[in-house]
């Protein structure tokens, strides 16, 4: 099994920045893609960004140019640098790891609140 622990959420003013981290443990060698999702109150969980083992990245249109996903292979950590935050970015952010054909491992989530 793979365990994921997120950190780095908090309260920030609009236009500010936060960096989230996601540390993987357990059978982390079985993980292919790692992604960030988010869920705002009253809304469905949505994809934010993804990084492949080779470093390829994908982003939701709403965060392109503002968010950057990266990874530290040695520390089994994936980061999400979030700049120019907007109130619409307020959500619980989840890290997810793809094992096999689906994102089967999820972290507990970290709250990001952007005040306008």
C-alpha atoms as a PDB file:
ATOM      1  CA  UNK A   1       0.000   0.000   0.000  1.00  0.00           C
ATOM      2  CA  UNK A   2       0.936   3.631  -0.512  1.00  0.00           C
ATOM      3  CA  UNK A   3       0.363   6.281   2.116  1.00  0.00           C
ATOM      4  CA  UNK A   4       0.209   9.976   1.269  1.00  0.00           C
ATOM      5  CA  UNK A   5       0.470  12.904   3.660  1.00  0.00           C
ATOM      6  CA  UNK A   6      -0.195  16.464   2.521  1.00  0.00           C
ATOM      7  CA  UNK A   7       0.959  19.653   4.184  1.00  0.00           C
ATOM      8  CA  UNK A   8       1.234  23.347   3.458  1.00  0.00           C
ATOM      9  CA  UNK A   9      -2.337  24.562   3.363  1.00  0.00           C
ATOM     10  CA  UNK A  10      -3.499  27.681   5.139  1.00  0.00           C
ATOM     11  CA  UNK A  11      -5.106  31.074   4.868  1.00  0.00           C
ATOM     12  CA  UNK A  12      -3.725  33.541   2.343  1.00  0.00           C
ATOM     13  CA  UNK A  13      -4.893  36.770   0.765  1.00  0.00           C
ATOM     14  CA  UNK A  14      -5.833  36.915  -2.887  1.00  0.00           C
ATOM     15  CA  UNK A  15      -2.713  37.317  -4.989  1.00  0.00           C
ATOM     16  CA  UNK A  16      -0.597  35.455  -2.479  1.00  0.00           C
ATOM     17  CA  UNK A  17       1.218  32.127  -2.717  1.00  0.00           C
ATOM     18  CA  UNK A  18       1.299  28.772  -0.984  1.00  0.00           C
ATOM     19  CA  UNK A  19       3.289  25.601  -1.550  1.00  0.00           C
ATOM     20  CA  UNK A  20       1.693  22.258  -0.825  1.00  0.00           C
ATOM     21  CA  UNK A  21       3.688  19.102  -0.306  1.00  0.00           C
ATOM     22  CA  UNK A  22       2.743  15.436  -0.546  1.00  0.00           C
ATOM     23  CA  UNK A  23       5.020  12.802   0.930  1.00  0.00           C
ATOM     24  CA  UNK A  24       4.597   9.201  -0.188  1.00  0.00           C
ATOM     25  CA  UNK A  25       5.539   6.179   1.896  1.00  0.00           C
ATOM     26  CA  UNK A  26       4.962   2.470   1.744  1.00  0.00           C
ATOM     27  CA  UNK A  27       5.120   0.875  -1.700  1.00  0.00           C
ATOM     28  CA  UNK A  28       5.833   4.194  -3.354  1.00  0.00           C
ATOM     29  CA  UNK A  29       7.871   2.444  -6.061  1.00  0.00           C
ATOM     30  CA  UNK A  30       4.565   1.145  -7.454  1.00  0.00           C
ATOM     31  CA  UNK A  31       3.261   4.672  -8.055  1.00  0.00           C
ATOM     32  CA  UNK A  32       3.110   6.040 -11.574  1.00  0.00           C
ATOM     33  CA  UNK A  33       1.457   9.451 -11.826  1.00  0.00           C
ATOM     34  CA  UNK A  34       0.909  11.672  -8.817  1.00  0.00           C
ATOM     35  CA  UNK A  35      -1.779  14.311  -8.975  1.00  0.00           C
ATOM     36  CA  UNK A  36      -3.451  17.059  -7.028  1.00  0.00           C
ATOM     37  CA  UNK A  37      -7.212  17.361  -6.878  1.00  0.00           C
ATOM     38  CA  UNK A  38      -9.363  19.828  -4.987  1.00  0.00           C
ATOM     39  CA  UNK A  39     -12.885  20.017  -3.666  1.00  0.00           C
ATOM     40  CA  UNK A  40     -14.622  23.267  -2.852  1.00  0.00           C
ATOM     41  CA  UNK A  41     -17.690  23.409  -0.593  1.00  0.00           C
ATOM     42  CA  UNK A  42     -20.761  22.182  -2.430  1.00  0.00           C
ATOM     43  CA  UNK A  43     -18.778  21.179  -5.511  1.00  0.00           C
ATOM     44  CA  UNK A  44     -17.405  17.951  -6.902  1.00  0.00           C
ATOM     45  CA  UNK A  45     -13.758  17.045  -6.602  1.00  0.00           C
ATOM     46  CA  UNK A  46     -11.807  18.327  -9.609  1.00  0.00           C
ATOM     47  CA  UNK A  47      -8.420  17.679 -11.161  1.00  0.00           C
ATOM     48  CA  UNK A  48      -5.757  20.338 -10.628  1.00  0.00           C
ATOM     49  CA  UNK A  49      -2.403  19.014 -11.841  1.00  0.00           C
ATOM     50  CA  UNK A  50      -0.515  15.811 -12.591  1.00  0.00           C
ATOM     51  CA  UNK A  51       3.109  14.781 -12.866  1.00  0.00           C
ATOM     52  CA  UNK A  52       4.416  11.579 -14.417  1.00  0.00           C
ATOM     53  CA  UNK A  53       7.446   9.611 -13.237  1.00  0.00           C
ATOM     54  CA  UNK A  54       9.390  11.137 -16.126  1.00  0.00           C
ATOM     55  CA  UNK A  55       8.393  14.651 -15.125  1.00  0.00           C
ATOM     56  CA  UNK A  56       5.678  15.366 -17.699  1.00  0.00           C
ATOM     57  CA  UNK A  57       2.968  17.623 -16.342  1.00  0.00           C
ATOM     58  CA  UNK A  58      -0.667  18.475 -17.018  1.00  0.00           C
ATOM     59  CA  UNK A  59      -2.784  21.230 -15.535  1.00  0.00           C
ATOM     60  CA  UNK A  60      -6.401  22.222 -15.348  1.00  0.00           C
ATOM     61  CA  UNK A  61      -7.088  25.261 -17.489  1.00  0.00           C
ATOM     62  CA  UNK A  62      -8.128  27.247 -14.438  1.00  0.00           C
ATOM     63  CA  UNK A  63      -4.657  27.005 -12.865  1.00  0.00           C
ATOM     64  CA  UNK A  64      -2.348  27.086 -15.899  1.00  0.00           C
ATOM     65  CA  UNK A  65       0.285  29.765 -15.549  1.00  0.00           C
ATOM     66  CA  UNK A  66      -0.322  30.101 -11.805  1.00  0.00           C
ATOM     67  CA  UNK A  67       0.328  26.623 -10.350  1.00  0.00           C
ATOM     68  CA  UNK A  68       3.414  24.454 -10.812  1.00  0.00           C
ATOM     69  CA  UNK A  69       3.680  20.782  -9.903  1.00  0.00           C
ATOM     70  CA  UNK A  70       7.117  19.284  -9.263  1.00  0.00           C
ATOM     71  CA  UNK A  71       8.687  16.345  -7.492  1.00  0.00           C
ATOM     72  CA  UNK A  72      11.717  15.409  -5.441  1.00  0.00           C
ATOM     73  CA  UNK A  73      12.465  11.785  -6.300  1.00  0.00           C
ATOM     74  CA  UNK A  74      14.904  11.296  -3.450  1.00  0.00           C
ATOM     75  CA  UNK A  75      12.397  12.436  -0.825  1.00  0.00           C
ATOM     76  CA  UNK A  76       9.350  10.841  -2.504  1.00  0.00           C
ATOM     77  CA  UNK A  77       7.664  14.215  -2.364  1.00  0.00           C
ATOM     78  CA  UNK A  78       5.456  16.039  -4.840  1.00  0.00           C
ATOM     79  CA  UNK A  79       4.925  19.781  -4.542  1.00  0.00           C
ATOM     80  CA  UNK A  80       2.261  22.147  -5.780  1.00  0.00           C
ATOM     81  CA  UNK A  81       3.432  25.745  -5.935  1.00  0.00           C
ATOM     82  CA  UNK A  82       0.402  28.008  -6.110  1.00  0.00           C
ATOM     83  CA  UNK A  83       0.897  31.643  -7.082  1.00  0.00           C
ATOM     84  CA  UNK A  84      -1.514  34.512  -7.678  1.00  0.00           C
ATOM     85  CA  UNK A  85      -4.175  32.712  -5.680  1.00  0.00           C
ATOM     86  CA  UNK A  86      -7.807  33.635  -6.190  1.00  0.00           C
ATOM     87  CA  UNK A  87     -10.871  33.168  -4.022  1.00  0.00           C
ATOM     88  CA  UNK A  88     -12.035  30.457  -6.444  1.00  0.00           C
ATOM     89  CA  UNK A  89      -8.973  28.423  -5.420  1.00  0.00           C
ATOM     90  CA  UNK A  90     -10.419  27.963  -1.925  1.00  0.00           C
ATOM     91  CA  UNK A  91     -10.853  24.225  -1.415  1.00  0.00           C
ATOM     92  CA  UNK A  92      -9.523  21.146   0.289  1.00  0.00           C
ATOM     93  CA  UNK A  93      -6.556  19.953  -1.759  1.00  0.00           C
ATOM     94  CA  UNK A  94      -5.871  16.233  -2.045  1.00  0.00           C
ATOM     95  CA  UNK A  95      -2.814  14.392  -3.269  1.00  0.00           C
ATOM     96  CA  UNK A  96      -3.471  11.170  -5.173  1.00  0.00           C
ATOM     97  CA  UNK A  97      -1.213   8.448  -6.508  1.00  0.00           C
ATOM     98  CA  UNK A  98      -1.951   6.272  -9.488  1.00  0.00           C
ATOM     99  CA  UNK A  99      -1.219   2.624  -8.801  1.00  0.00           C
ATOM    100  CA  UNK A 100      -2.209   0.507 -11.745  1.00  0.00           C
ATOM    101  CA  UNK A 101      -5.072   2.004 -13.742  1.00  0.00           C
ATOM    102  CA  UNK A 102      -6.596   4.353 -11.196  1.00  0.00           C
ATOM    103  CA  UNK A 103      -5.801   6.850  -8.458  1.00  0.00           C
ATOM    104  CA  UNK A 104      -6.115   4.347  -5.647  1.00  0.00           C
ATOM    105  CA  UNK A 105      -4.197   6.131  -2.914  1.00  0.00           C
ATOM    106  CA  UNK A 106      -5.327   9.442  -1.454  1.00  0.00           C
ATOM    107  CA  UNK A 107      -4.092  11.733   1.265  1.00  0.00           C
ATOM    108  CA  UNK A 108      -6.242  13.216   3.990  1.00  0.00           C
ATOM    109  CA  UNK A 109      -6.412  16.638   2.357  1.00  0.00           C
ATOM    110  CA  UNK A 110      -5.200  20.082   3.316  1.00  0.00           C
ATOM    111  CA  UNK A 111      -7.372  23.195   3.472  1.00  0.00           C
ATOM    112  CA  UNK A 112      -6.504  26.210   1.342  1.00  0.00           C
ATOM    113  CA  UNK A 113      -8.491  29.361   2.005  1.00  0.00           C
ATOM    114  CA  UNK A 114      -8.017  32.478  -0.098  1.00  0.00           C
ATOM    115  CA  UNK A 115      -9.493  35.680   1.272  1.00  0.00           C
ATOM    116  CA  UNK A 116     -10.487  38.445  -1.103  1.00  0.00           C
END
